[in-house]
N, C-alpha and C. Protein backbone atom coordinates (compact mmCIF):
# COMPACT_ATOMS: atom_id res chain seq x y z
N MET A 1 133.63 99.90 79.07
CA MET A 1 133.17 101.24 78.69
C MET A 1 131.75 101.15 78.13
N ARG A 2 130.91 102.12 78.50
CA ARG A 2 129.53 102.11 78.03
C ARG A 2 129.45 102.46 76.55
N GLY A 3 128.76 101.61 75.80
CA GLY A 3 128.56 101.85 74.39
C GLY A 3 127.42 102.82 74.17
N PRO A 4 127.22 103.29 72.93
CA PRO A 4 126.17 104.27 72.64
C PRO A 4 124.77 103.71 72.83
N SER A 5 124.65 102.37 72.89
CA SER A 5 123.33 101.76 73.02
C SER A 5 123.06 101.27 74.43
N ARG A 6 123.78 101.82 75.40
CA ARG A 6 123.54 101.50 76.80
C ARG A 6 123.36 102.79 77.59
N PHE A 7 122.82 102.66 78.78
CA PHE A 7 122.63 103.81 79.65
C PHE A 7 123.57 103.70 80.85
N ALA A 8 124.11 104.83 81.28
CA ALA A 8 124.98 104.81 82.45
C ALA A 8 124.16 104.45 83.69
N ASP A 9 123.01 105.08 83.83
CA ASP A 9 122.12 104.85 84.97
C ASP A 9 120.75 105.39 84.60
N ARG A 10 119.83 105.42 85.55
CA ARG A 10 118.48 105.87 85.25
C ARG A 10 118.42 107.37 84.95
N ARG A 11 119.31 108.15 85.56
CA ARG A 11 119.33 109.59 85.25
C ARG A 11 119.73 109.81 83.79
N ASP A 12 120.75 109.10 83.34
CA ASP A 12 121.17 109.17 81.94
C ASP A 12 120.03 108.73 81.04
N ALA A 13 119.37 107.64 81.41
CA ALA A 13 118.24 107.14 80.62
C ALA A 13 117.13 108.17 80.55
N GLY A 14 116.88 108.87 81.67
CA GLY A 14 115.84 109.88 81.69
C GLY A 14 116.14 111.03 80.76
N ARG A 15 117.39 111.47 80.74
CA ARG A 15 117.76 112.58 79.85
C ARG A 15 117.57 112.18 78.38
N ARG A 16 118.00 110.99 78.04
CA ARG A 16 117.87 110.55 76.65
C ARG A 16 116.42 110.27 76.27
N LEU A 17 115.65 109.77 77.22
CA LEU A 17 114.24 109.54 76.94
C LEU A 17 113.51 110.87 76.77
N ALA A 18 113.86 111.85 77.59
CA ALA A 18 113.23 113.17 77.47
C ALA A 18 113.44 113.74 76.07
N GLU A 19 114.66 113.58 75.54
CA GLU A 19 114.94 114.06 74.18
C GLU A 19 114.08 113.31 73.16
N ARG A 20 113.95 112.00 73.34
CA ARG A 20 113.16 111.21 72.39
C ARG A 20 111.68 111.58 72.46
N VAL A 21 111.18 111.79 73.65
CA VAL A 21 109.77 112.17 73.80
C VAL A 21 109.51 113.49 73.10
N ARG A 22 110.41 114.46 73.29
CA ARG A 22 110.21 115.76 72.66
C ARG A 22 110.22 115.65 71.14
N ARG A 23 111.00 114.72 70.60
CA ARG A 23 111.05 114.55 69.14
C ARG A 23 109.89 113.72 68.61
N SER A 24 109.31 112.87 69.47
CA SER A 24 108.34 111.88 69.00
C SER A 24 106.90 112.34 69.11
N ILE A 25 106.60 113.22 70.03
CA ILE A 25 105.22 113.67 70.19
C ILE A 25 105.16 115.18 70.03
N ALA A 26 103.99 115.66 69.66
CA ALA A 26 103.81 117.10 69.46
C ALA A 26 103.68 117.77 70.83
N VAL A 27 104.83 118.12 71.40
CA VAL A 27 104.86 118.65 72.76
C VAL A 27 104.01 119.90 72.90
N ASP A 28 104.06 120.78 71.91
CA ASP A 28 103.31 122.04 72.00
C ASP A 28 101.81 121.81 72.00
N ASP A 29 101.39 120.63 71.52
CA ASP A 29 99.95 120.34 71.47
C ASP A 29 99.46 119.60 72.71
N LEU A 30 100.35 119.27 73.63
CA LEU A 30 99.94 118.56 74.83
C LEU A 30 99.02 119.43 75.69
N HIS A 31 97.97 118.82 76.19
CA HIS A 31 97.02 119.55 77.02
C HIS A 31 97.26 119.22 78.48
N ASP A 32 97.68 120.22 79.25
CA ASP A 32 97.88 120.06 80.69
C ASP A 32 98.60 118.76 81.00
N PRO A 33 99.82 118.57 80.47
CA PRO A 33 100.48 117.26 80.57
C PRO A 33 100.82 116.86 82.00
N LEU A 34 100.72 115.56 82.22
CA LEU A 34 101.04 114.96 83.50
C LEU A 34 101.95 113.76 83.26
N VAL A 35 103.07 113.70 83.96
CA VAL A 35 103.97 112.55 83.87
C VAL A 35 103.76 111.69 85.11
N LEU A 36 103.44 110.42 84.89
CA LEU A 36 103.24 109.48 85.98
C LEU A 36 104.33 108.41 85.93
N ALA A 37 105.11 108.35 86.99
CA ALA A 37 106.21 107.38 87.07
C ALA A 37 105.74 106.10 87.73
N LEU A 38 106.17 104.97 87.18
CA LEU A 38 105.93 103.69 87.83
C LEU A 38 107.10 103.43 88.76
N PRO A 39 106.86 103.47 90.08
CA PRO A 39 107.97 103.31 91.02
C PRO A 39 108.31 101.82 91.21
N ARG A 40 109.56 101.57 91.62
CA ARG A 40 110.47 102.62 92.02
C ARG A 40 111.32 103.11 90.85
N GLY A 41 111.73 102.18 89.97
CA GLY A 41 112.72 102.50 88.95
C GLY A 41 112.33 103.58 87.97
N GLY A 42 111.03 103.76 87.75
CA GLY A 42 110.61 104.76 86.78
C GLY A 42 110.72 106.19 87.27
N VAL A 43 110.87 106.38 88.58
CA VAL A 43 110.85 107.74 89.12
C VAL A 43 112.05 108.57 88.68
N PRO A 44 113.30 108.12 88.85
CA PRO A 44 114.42 108.96 88.40
C PRO A 44 114.41 109.18 86.89
N VAL A 45 113.85 108.26 86.13
CA VAL A 45 113.72 108.44 84.68
C VAL A 45 112.70 109.53 84.39
N ALA A 46 111.57 109.47 85.10
CA ALA A 46 110.47 110.39 84.85
C ALA A 46 110.79 111.82 85.22
N VAL A 47 111.70 112.03 86.17
CA VAL A 47 112.06 113.39 86.59
C VAL A 47 112.52 114.21 85.39
N ALA A 48 113.39 113.63 84.58
CA ALA A 48 113.91 114.36 83.41
C ALA A 48 112.82 114.58 82.36
N VAL A 49 111.94 113.61 82.18
CA VAL A 49 110.85 113.76 81.20
C VAL A 49 109.90 114.87 81.62
N ALA A 50 109.54 114.89 82.88
CA ALA A 50 108.63 115.94 83.36
C ALA A 50 109.26 117.32 83.22
N ALA A 51 110.56 117.42 83.54
CA ALA A 51 111.25 118.71 83.43
C ALA A 51 111.28 119.19 81.98
N ALA A 52 111.53 118.26 81.05
CA ALA A 52 111.61 118.62 79.63
C ALA A 52 110.26 119.10 79.09
N LEU A 53 109.18 118.55 79.63
CA LEU A 53 107.85 118.91 79.15
C LEU A 53 107.22 120.03 79.97
N GLY A 54 107.88 120.43 81.06
CA GLY A 54 107.28 121.40 81.95
C GLY A 54 106.01 120.87 82.58
N ALA A 55 106.01 119.55 82.86
CA ALA A 55 104.79 118.88 83.30
C ALA A 55 104.84 118.55 84.79
N GLU A 56 103.67 118.40 85.36
CA GLU A 56 103.54 117.91 86.74
C GLU A 56 104.02 116.46 86.79
N LEU A 57 104.62 116.09 87.90
CA LEU A 57 105.12 114.73 88.10
C LEU A 57 104.44 114.09 89.30
N ASP A 58 104.01 112.87 89.15
CA ASP A 58 103.48 112.09 90.27
C ASP A 58 103.83 110.63 90.03
N VAL A 59 103.50 109.79 91.01
CA VAL A 59 103.70 108.36 90.85
C VAL A 59 102.37 107.66 90.65
N LEU A 60 102.40 106.59 89.88
CA LEU A 60 101.27 105.68 89.73
C LEU A 60 101.79 104.32 90.16
N VAL A 61 101.29 103.81 91.28
CA VAL A 61 101.85 102.59 91.84
C VAL A 61 101.21 101.35 91.19
N ALA A 62 102.05 100.49 90.65
CA ALA A 62 101.63 99.21 90.08
C ALA A 62 102.62 98.14 90.54
N ARG A 63 102.15 96.91 90.64
CA ARG A 63 102.98 95.83 91.14
C ARG A 63 102.80 94.59 90.27
N LYS A 64 103.91 93.96 89.95
CA LYS A 64 103.87 92.68 89.25
C LYS A 64 103.39 91.60 90.21
N VAL A 65 102.59 90.67 89.71
CA VAL A 65 102.19 89.49 90.47
C VAL A 65 103.04 88.34 89.96
N GLY A 66 103.93 87.87 90.82
CA GLY A 66 104.90 86.87 90.39
C GLY A 66 104.43 85.45 90.53
N LEU A 67 105.04 84.57 89.74
CA LEU A 67 104.77 83.15 89.80
C LEU A 67 105.30 82.58 91.11
N PRO A 68 104.53 81.80 91.83
CA PRO A 68 105.02 81.22 93.09
C PRO A 68 106.33 80.45 92.88
N GLY A 69 107.32 80.79 93.70
CA GLY A 69 108.62 80.16 93.58
C GLY A 69 109.52 80.82 92.55
N ARG A 70 108.93 81.61 91.66
CA ARG A 70 109.69 82.35 90.64
C ARG A 70 109.10 83.76 90.53
N PRO A 71 109.28 84.57 91.55
CA PRO A 71 108.62 85.88 91.60
C PRO A 71 109.02 86.82 90.47
N GLU A 72 110.15 86.55 89.81
CA GLU A 72 110.56 87.40 88.70
C GLU A 72 109.70 87.19 87.46
N VAL A 73 108.97 86.09 87.40
CA VAL A 73 108.09 85.79 86.26
C VAL A 73 106.70 86.32 86.57
N GLY A 74 106.27 87.32 85.84
CA GLY A 74 104.98 87.95 86.11
C GLY A 74 103.82 87.21 85.47
N VAL A 75 102.87 86.77 86.28
CA VAL A 75 101.65 86.15 85.75
C VAL A 75 100.51 87.16 85.72
N GLY A 76 100.82 88.38 86.08
CA GLY A 76 99.83 89.44 86.06
C GLY A 76 100.36 90.65 86.81
N ALA A 77 99.48 91.59 87.06
CA ALA A 77 99.88 92.82 87.77
C ALA A 77 98.66 93.48 88.37
N VAL A 78 98.93 94.34 89.35
CA VAL A 78 97.87 95.14 89.97
C VAL A 78 98.31 96.59 89.92
N ALA A 79 97.33 97.48 89.99
CA ALA A 79 97.62 98.91 89.98
C ALA A 79 96.58 99.64 90.80
N GLU A 80 96.87 100.90 91.09
CA GLU A 80 95.94 101.72 91.87
C GLU A 80 94.56 101.72 91.25
N GLY A 81 93.56 101.88 92.10
CA GLY A 81 92.20 101.89 91.61
C GLY A 81 91.59 100.50 91.50
N GLY A 82 92.29 99.50 92.06
CA GLY A 82 91.77 98.14 92.02
C GLY A 82 91.96 97.41 90.71
N VAL A 83 92.85 97.91 89.87
CA VAL A 83 93.10 97.26 88.57
C VAL A 83 93.87 95.96 88.78
N ARG A 84 93.39 94.91 88.12
CA ARG A 84 94.08 93.62 88.13
C ARG A 84 94.11 93.07 86.71
N ILE A 85 95.29 92.65 86.28
CA ILE A 85 95.46 92.05 84.95
C ILE A 85 96.15 90.71 85.13
N ALA A 86 95.57 89.67 84.54
CA ALA A 86 96.16 88.34 84.63
C ALA A 86 96.57 87.85 83.24
N ASP A 87 97.69 87.16 83.17
CA ASP A 87 98.12 86.51 81.94
C ASP A 87 97.56 85.09 81.96
N ASP A 88 96.38 84.92 81.37
CA ASP A 88 95.69 83.63 81.45
C ASP A 88 96.48 82.50 80.79
N ASP A 89 97.20 82.82 79.72
CA ASP A 89 97.99 81.80 79.06
C ASP A 89 99.10 81.29 79.98
N LEU A 90 99.82 82.22 80.61
CA LEU A 90 100.90 81.84 81.51
C LEU A 90 100.35 81.14 82.75
N LEU A 91 99.21 81.61 83.25
CA LEU A 91 98.59 80.95 84.40
C LEU A 91 98.26 79.50 84.06
N GLY A 92 97.71 79.29 82.88
CA GLY A 92 97.36 77.94 82.47
C GLY A 92 98.57 77.04 82.35
N ARG A 93 99.64 77.58 81.75
CA ARG A 93 100.86 76.77 81.58
C ARG A 93 101.51 76.46 82.92
N ALA A 94 101.28 77.34 83.91
CA ALA A 94 101.83 77.11 85.25
C ALA A 94 100.91 76.27 86.12
N GLY A 95 99.73 75.91 85.59
CA GLY A 95 98.80 75.10 86.34
C GLY A 95 98.08 75.87 87.44
N LEU A 96 97.91 77.17 87.24
CA LEU A 96 97.26 78.02 88.24
C LEU A 96 95.90 78.48 87.72
N ASP A 97 94.96 78.65 88.64
CA ASP A 97 93.65 79.15 88.25
C ASP A 97 93.48 80.59 88.73
N ARG A 98 92.33 81.18 88.40
CA ARG A 98 92.10 82.57 88.75
C ARG A 98 91.98 82.77 90.26
N THR A 99 91.49 81.77 90.97
CA THR A 99 91.41 81.89 92.41
C THR A 99 92.79 82.04 93.02
N THR A 100 93.73 81.25 92.52
CA THR A 100 95.12 81.36 92.99
C THR A 100 95.71 82.71 92.62
N PHE A 101 95.41 83.17 91.40
CA PHE A 101 95.91 84.48 90.99
C PHE A 101 95.38 85.57 91.90
N ASP A 102 94.09 85.52 92.22
CA ASP A 102 93.51 86.56 93.08
C ASP A 102 94.17 86.55 94.45
N ARG A 103 94.51 85.37 94.95
CA ARG A 103 95.17 85.29 96.25
C ARG A 103 96.56 85.93 96.17
N LEU A 104 97.28 85.65 95.10
CA LEU A 104 98.60 86.26 94.90
C LEU A 104 98.47 87.78 94.74
N ALA A 105 97.45 88.20 94.00
CA ALA A 105 97.23 89.63 93.77
C ALA A 105 96.89 90.35 95.07
N ASP A 106 96.15 89.68 95.95
CA ASP A 106 95.81 90.29 97.25
C ASP A 106 97.07 90.63 98.04
N VAL A 107 98.06 89.75 97.98
CA VAL A 107 99.32 89.99 98.68
C VAL A 107 100.01 91.22 98.11
N GLU A 108 100.03 91.34 96.78
CA GLU A 108 100.69 92.49 96.15
C GLU A 108 99.93 93.77 96.43
N MET A 109 98.61 93.68 96.58
CA MET A 109 97.83 94.88 96.88
C MET A 109 98.20 95.45 98.25
N VAL A 110 98.56 94.60 99.18
CA VAL A 110 98.98 95.09 100.50
C VAL A 110 100.24 95.94 100.36
N GLU A 111 101.22 95.45 99.57
CA GLU A 111 102.44 96.22 99.35
C GLU A 111 102.15 97.47 98.53
N LEU A 112 101.25 97.35 97.55
CA LEU A 112 100.88 98.52 96.75
C LEU A 112 100.32 99.63 97.63
N ASP A 113 99.42 99.26 98.54
CA ASP A 113 98.83 100.27 99.43
C ASP A 113 99.90 100.91 100.33
N ARG A 114 100.85 100.09 100.77
CA ARG A 114 101.93 100.64 101.62
C ARG A 114 102.73 101.67 100.85
N ARG A 115 103.03 101.36 99.59
CA ARG A 115 103.83 102.29 98.79
C ARG A 115 103.06 103.57 98.48
N VAL A 116 101.78 103.46 98.23
CA VAL A 116 100.98 104.66 98.00
C VAL A 116 101.07 105.58 99.21
N ARG A 117 100.93 105.02 100.40
CA ARG A 117 101.01 105.83 101.62
C ARG A 117 102.41 106.42 101.79
N ALA A 118 103.44 105.63 101.48
CA ALA A 118 104.81 106.10 101.65
C ALA A 118 105.16 107.21 100.67
N TYR A 119 104.70 107.09 99.44
CA TYR A 119 105.11 108.03 98.39
C TYR A 119 104.27 109.30 98.36
N ARG A 120 102.97 109.20 98.71
CA ARG A 120 102.11 110.37 98.59
C ARG A 120 101.63 110.90 99.93
N ALA A 121 101.89 110.18 101.00
CA ALA A 121 101.59 110.66 102.36
C ALA A 121 100.17 111.23 102.48
N GLY A 122 99.21 110.50 101.94
CA GLY A 122 97.82 110.93 102.07
C GLY A 122 97.30 111.76 100.92
N ARG A 123 98.19 112.26 100.06
CA ARG A 123 97.72 113.03 98.90
C ARG A 123 97.05 112.09 97.90
N PRO A 124 96.00 112.53 97.22
CA PRO A 124 95.41 111.70 96.17
C PRO A 124 96.30 111.71 94.93
N LEU A 125 96.10 110.75 94.08
CA LEU A 125 96.78 110.75 92.79
C LEU A 125 96.39 112.01 92.02
N ALA A 126 97.36 112.61 91.35
CA ALA A 126 97.09 113.81 90.55
C ALA A 126 95.93 113.55 89.58
N ALA A 127 95.11 114.55 89.38
CA ALA A 127 93.96 114.42 88.48
C ALA A 127 94.42 114.10 87.07
N THR A 128 93.75 113.16 86.42
CA THR A 128 94.11 112.76 85.06
C THR A 128 93.02 113.04 84.04
N SER A 129 91.80 113.25 84.48
CA SER A 129 90.69 113.42 83.56
C SER A 129 90.91 114.60 82.62
N GLY A 130 90.82 114.32 81.31
CA GLY A 130 90.96 115.34 80.30
C GLY A 130 92.38 115.78 80.03
N ARG A 131 93.35 115.19 80.72
CA ARG A 131 94.75 115.60 80.54
C ARG A 131 95.49 114.61 79.64
N ASP A 132 96.61 115.08 79.08
CA ASP A 132 97.50 114.20 78.32
C ASP A 132 98.52 113.63 79.31
N VAL A 133 98.56 112.31 79.40
CA VAL A 133 99.34 111.63 80.43
C VAL A 133 100.45 110.79 79.80
N ILE A 134 101.65 110.96 80.34
CA ILE A 134 102.81 110.17 79.91
C ILE A 134 103.22 109.28 81.07
N VAL A 135 103.06 107.97 80.90
CA VAL A 135 103.46 107.00 81.92
C VAL A 135 104.90 106.59 81.63
N VAL A 136 105.75 106.64 82.66
CA VAL A 136 107.19 106.41 82.47
C VAL A 136 107.67 105.27 83.37
N ASP A 137 108.45 104.36 82.80
CA ASP A 137 109.14 103.32 83.58
C ASP A 137 110.58 103.25 83.10
N ASP A 138 111.41 102.43 83.77
CA ASP A 138 112.81 102.35 83.36
C ASP A 138 113.05 101.32 82.27
N GLY A 139 112.03 100.59 81.86
CA GLY A 139 112.16 99.64 80.77
C GLY A 139 110.91 98.81 80.64
N LEU A 140 110.78 98.16 79.49
CA LEU A 140 109.59 97.38 79.18
C LEU A 140 110.01 96.00 78.70
N ALA A 141 109.74 94.99 79.54
CA ALA A 141 110.10 93.61 79.18
C ALA A 141 108.83 92.88 78.74
N THR A 142 108.14 92.22 79.67
CA THR A 142 106.89 91.55 79.32
C THR A 142 105.74 92.54 79.18
N GLY A 143 105.86 93.67 79.87
CA GLY A 143 104.84 94.71 79.76
C GLY A 143 103.64 94.55 80.66
N VAL A 144 103.62 93.52 81.51
CA VAL A 144 102.42 93.27 82.30
C VAL A 144 102.18 94.38 83.33
N THR A 145 103.23 94.88 83.97
CA THR A 145 103.05 95.95 84.95
C THR A 145 102.65 97.25 84.26
N ALA A 146 103.27 97.53 83.12
CA ALA A 146 102.91 98.73 82.37
C ALA A 146 101.46 98.67 81.91
N ARG A 147 100.99 97.50 81.51
CA ARG A 147 99.60 97.36 81.08
C ARG A 147 98.65 97.71 82.22
N ALA A 148 98.97 97.26 83.42
CA ALA A 148 98.12 97.57 84.57
C ALA A 148 98.12 99.08 84.82
N GLY A 149 99.29 99.70 84.73
CA GLY A 149 99.38 101.14 84.91
C GLY A 149 98.60 101.91 83.86
N VAL A 150 98.75 101.49 82.62
CA VAL A 150 98.03 102.14 81.52
C VAL A 150 96.52 102.02 81.73
N ARG A 151 96.07 100.85 82.12
CA ARG A 151 94.63 100.66 82.33
C ARG A 151 94.13 101.53 83.47
N ALA A 152 94.93 101.65 84.53
CA ALA A 152 94.53 102.49 85.66
C ALA A 152 94.35 103.94 85.23
N VAL A 153 95.24 104.42 84.37
CA VAL A 153 95.14 105.80 83.88
C VAL A 153 93.93 105.95 82.96
N ARG A 154 93.72 104.97 82.10
CA ARG A 154 92.62 105.07 81.15
C ARG A 154 91.27 105.11 81.86
N THR A 155 91.13 104.36 82.94
CA THR A 155 89.86 104.37 83.67
C THR A 155 89.60 105.71 84.35
N ARG A 156 90.66 106.52 84.48
CA ARG A 156 90.52 107.84 85.11
C ARG A 156 90.32 108.95 84.08
N GLY A 157 90.10 108.58 82.84
CA GLY A 157 89.67 109.56 81.85
C GLY A 157 90.74 110.41 81.20
N ALA A 158 91.95 109.88 81.06
CA ALA A 158 93.00 110.64 80.36
C ALA A 158 92.60 110.89 78.92
N ALA A 159 92.94 112.08 78.42
CA ALA A 159 92.60 112.43 77.04
C ALA A 159 93.54 111.73 76.05
N ARG A 160 94.82 111.71 76.38
CA ARG A 160 95.83 111.08 75.53
C ARG A 160 96.76 110.31 76.44
N LEU A 161 97.21 109.16 75.99
CA LEU A 161 98.02 108.29 76.84
C LEU A 161 99.26 107.83 76.09
N VAL A 162 100.42 108.14 76.68
CA VAL A 162 101.71 107.76 76.10
C VAL A 162 102.48 106.95 77.13
N LEU A 163 103.09 105.86 76.71
CA LEU A 163 103.97 105.07 77.56
C LEU A 163 105.39 105.30 77.07
N ALA A 164 106.23 105.87 77.92
CA ALA A 164 107.60 106.23 77.53
C ALA A 164 108.60 105.48 78.40
N VAL A 165 109.51 104.76 77.76
CA VAL A 165 110.54 103.98 78.46
C VAL A 165 111.86 104.08 77.71
N PRO A 166 112.98 104.01 78.42
CA PRO A 166 114.28 104.08 77.73
C PRO A 166 114.55 102.90 76.82
N VAL A 167 114.14 101.69 77.23
CA VAL A 167 114.41 100.49 76.44
C VAL A 167 113.22 99.56 76.52
N CYS A 168 112.91 98.91 75.40
CA CYS A 168 111.74 98.03 75.39
C CYS A 168 111.96 96.85 74.46
N ALA A 169 111.34 95.74 74.82
CA ALA A 169 111.29 94.59 73.93
C ALA A 169 110.36 94.94 72.76
N ARG A 170 110.82 94.72 71.54
CA ARG A 170 110.05 95.15 70.38
C ARG A 170 108.65 94.56 70.33
N ASP A 171 108.55 93.25 70.54
CA ASP A 171 107.25 92.61 70.42
C ASP A 171 106.28 93.11 71.49
N THR A 172 106.81 93.38 72.69
CA THR A 172 105.96 93.89 73.76
C THR A 172 105.45 95.28 73.43
N ALA A 173 106.33 96.14 72.93
CA ALA A 173 105.92 97.50 72.58
C ALA A 173 104.86 97.48 71.49
N GLU A 174 105.04 96.63 70.50
CA GLU A 174 104.07 96.54 69.40
C GLU A 174 102.74 96.00 69.89
N ARG A 175 102.80 95.03 70.79
CA ARG A 175 101.56 94.44 71.32
C ARG A 175 100.79 95.45 72.15
N LEU A 176 101.50 96.22 72.99
CA LEU A 176 100.83 97.23 73.81
C LEU A 176 100.19 98.31 72.95
N ALA A 177 100.92 98.74 71.94
CA ALA A 177 100.37 99.79 71.07
C ALA A 177 99.11 99.30 70.35
N ARG A 178 99.13 98.03 70.00
CA ARG A 178 98.00 97.46 69.25
C ARG A 178 96.82 97.12 70.15
N SER A 179 97.06 96.39 71.24
CA SER A 179 95.96 95.88 72.05
C SER A 179 95.49 96.85 73.13
N ASP A 180 96.39 97.72 73.59
CA ASP A 180 96.01 98.64 74.67
C ASP A 180 95.85 100.07 74.18
N ASP A 181 95.99 100.29 72.88
CA ASP A 181 95.74 101.59 72.28
C ASP A 181 96.50 102.70 73.00
N VAL A 182 97.81 102.50 73.13
CA VAL A 182 98.66 103.48 73.79
C VAL A 182 99.84 103.81 72.88
N GLU A 183 100.24 105.06 72.84
CA GLU A 183 101.44 105.43 72.10
C GLU A 183 102.66 104.99 72.91
N VAL A 184 103.58 104.28 72.28
CA VAL A 184 104.77 103.81 72.97
C VAL A 184 106.00 104.51 72.41
N VAL A 185 106.77 105.15 73.29
CA VAL A 185 108.00 105.84 72.90
C VAL A 185 109.17 105.16 73.61
N CYS A 186 110.14 104.68 72.82
CA CYS A 186 111.34 104.03 73.38
C CYS A 186 112.58 104.65 72.76
N VAL A 187 113.65 104.72 73.53
CA VAL A 187 114.95 105.12 72.98
C VAL A 187 115.58 103.95 72.26
N LEU A 188 115.59 102.79 72.89
CA LEU A 188 116.19 101.58 72.33
C LEU A 188 115.14 100.49 72.17
N ARG A 189 115.13 99.85 70.98
CA ARG A 189 114.29 98.68 70.75
C ARG A 189 115.19 97.56 70.21
N PRO A 190 115.99 96.97 71.08
CA PRO A 190 116.97 95.98 70.62
C PRO A 190 116.30 94.72 70.05
N ARG A 191 116.99 94.11 69.09
CA ARG A 191 116.49 92.86 68.52
C ARG A 191 116.54 91.74 69.54
N ARG A 192 117.62 91.70 70.33
CA ARG A 192 117.75 90.68 71.37
C ARG A 192 117.49 91.34 72.72
N PHE A 193 116.49 90.84 73.40
CA PHE A 193 116.10 91.43 74.68
C PHE A 193 115.90 90.32 75.70
N VAL A 194 116.69 90.38 76.79
CA VAL A 194 116.56 89.40 77.85
C VAL A 194 115.96 90.05 79.10
N ALA A 195 116.55 91.16 79.53
CA ALA A 195 116.08 91.84 80.73
C ALA A 195 116.41 93.32 80.64
N VAL A 196 115.62 94.15 81.31
CA VAL A 196 115.84 95.60 81.29
C VAL A 196 117.23 95.95 81.81
N GLY A 197 117.65 95.31 82.89
CA GLY A 197 118.90 95.66 83.54
C GLY A 197 120.14 95.49 82.69
N GLU A 198 120.07 94.66 81.65
CA GLU A 198 121.26 94.45 80.82
C GLU A 198 121.62 95.69 79.99
N TRP A 199 120.70 96.65 79.93
CA TRP A 199 120.95 97.85 79.13
C TRP A 199 121.41 99.03 79.97
N TYR A 200 121.71 98.76 81.24
CA TYR A 200 122.20 99.78 82.16
C TYR A 200 123.54 99.34 82.76
N ASP A 201 124.47 100.28 82.88
CA ASP A 201 125.69 100.00 83.63
C ASP A 201 125.40 99.94 85.13
N ASP A 202 124.57 100.86 85.59
CA ASP A 202 124.17 100.91 87.00
C ASP A 202 122.67 100.72 87.06
N PHE A 203 122.24 99.57 87.59
CA PHE A 203 120.81 99.27 87.69
C PHE A 203 120.46 98.89 89.12
N GLU A 204 121.09 99.60 90.07
CA GLU A 204 120.81 99.33 91.47
C GLU A 204 119.35 99.67 91.80
N GLN A 205 118.77 98.89 92.70
CA GLN A 205 117.38 99.12 93.08
C GLN A 205 117.24 100.46 93.80
N GLU A 206 116.20 101.19 93.44
CA GLU A 206 115.90 102.45 94.10
C GLU A 206 115.23 102.17 95.44
N THR A 207 115.32 103.11 96.37
CA THR A 207 114.71 102.96 97.68
C THR A 207 113.47 103.84 97.80
N ASP A 208 112.62 103.51 98.77
CA ASP A 208 111.45 104.36 99.02
C ASP A 208 111.89 105.78 99.38
N GLU A 209 112.95 105.88 100.16
CA GLU A 209 113.43 107.20 100.57
C GLU A 209 113.85 108.04 99.37
N ARG A 210 114.51 107.41 98.41
CA ARG A 210 114.95 108.13 97.21
C ARG A 210 113.75 108.56 96.37
N VAL A 211 112.75 107.71 96.28
CA VAL A 211 111.55 108.05 95.53
C VAL A 211 110.89 109.29 96.14
N VAL A 212 110.72 109.30 97.45
CA VAL A 212 110.10 110.43 98.13
C VAL A 212 110.93 111.69 97.93
N GLU A 213 112.25 111.55 98.02
CA GLU A 213 113.16 112.70 97.84
C GLU A 213 112.99 113.32 96.44
N LEU A 214 112.94 112.48 95.42
CA LEU A 214 112.80 112.97 94.05
C LEU A 214 111.44 113.62 93.83
N LEU A 215 110.39 113.02 94.34
CA LEU A 215 109.05 113.59 94.18
C LEU A 215 108.91 114.92 94.89
N THR A 216 109.48 115.00 96.09
CA THR A 216 109.43 116.25 96.84
C THR A 216 110.16 117.37 96.10
N ALA A 217 111.34 117.05 95.59
CA ALA A 217 112.13 118.03 94.85
C ALA A 217 111.38 118.50 93.61
N ALA A 218 110.71 117.58 92.92
CA ALA A 218 109.97 117.94 91.71
C ALA A 218 108.81 118.88 92.05
N ARG A 219 108.11 118.61 93.15
CA ARG A 219 106.99 119.49 93.54
C ARG A 219 107.49 120.87 93.91
N LEU A 220 108.59 120.94 94.63
CA LEU A 220 109.11 122.23 95.07
C LEU A 220 109.64 123.06 93.92
N SER A 221 110.04 122.41 92.83
CA SER A 221 110.63 123.14 91.69
C SER A 221 109.58 123.72 90.77
N ARG A 222 108.32 123.36 90.92
CA ARG A 222 107.28 123.87 90.03
C ARG A 222 106.78 125.25 90.48
């Protein structure tokens, strides 16, 4: 049975995150708010947040750059707009240099571009300049992908930047708030954190088709 500190699925997480966002930030003071979901997992979460704020919803595509042979370990990330972030400490411990990282990042950029085309079908990313932007994902572990997303939004001139996730590693959330100057809103900040998926009963991977379906429905409902 699901305990009070777990989520049934991403839709449940989105509803609870939407409530936390409304309590944590001055919603009435938001200027032309925009919710940007990090796909794929952040999209069903972001749907509820955007609905609660009466905000426009779009996707911001970012990709983790994985360690060769261990793709689940992120040595950096890429995001729209040519953003690249490398974890130099982890690269050094893995015996990799920046040239190797750039080669790995190039591969992820190919997939990033494919997803942009699949999700937005030629539409540009929603305008962010001067707007209050809430970036949403389904969880925050190392934070490297979220950092890339946050940087991509900041380079586009957002007035206010909030990163909202259902569950986050405490040290990562604190580091992002401090070093990347972003407001971080989490429902759960567990003391013991291994992986995002452990906090969900259903953490099945989302599909491109489902992402497009949710985005289309959100646009039609506005």
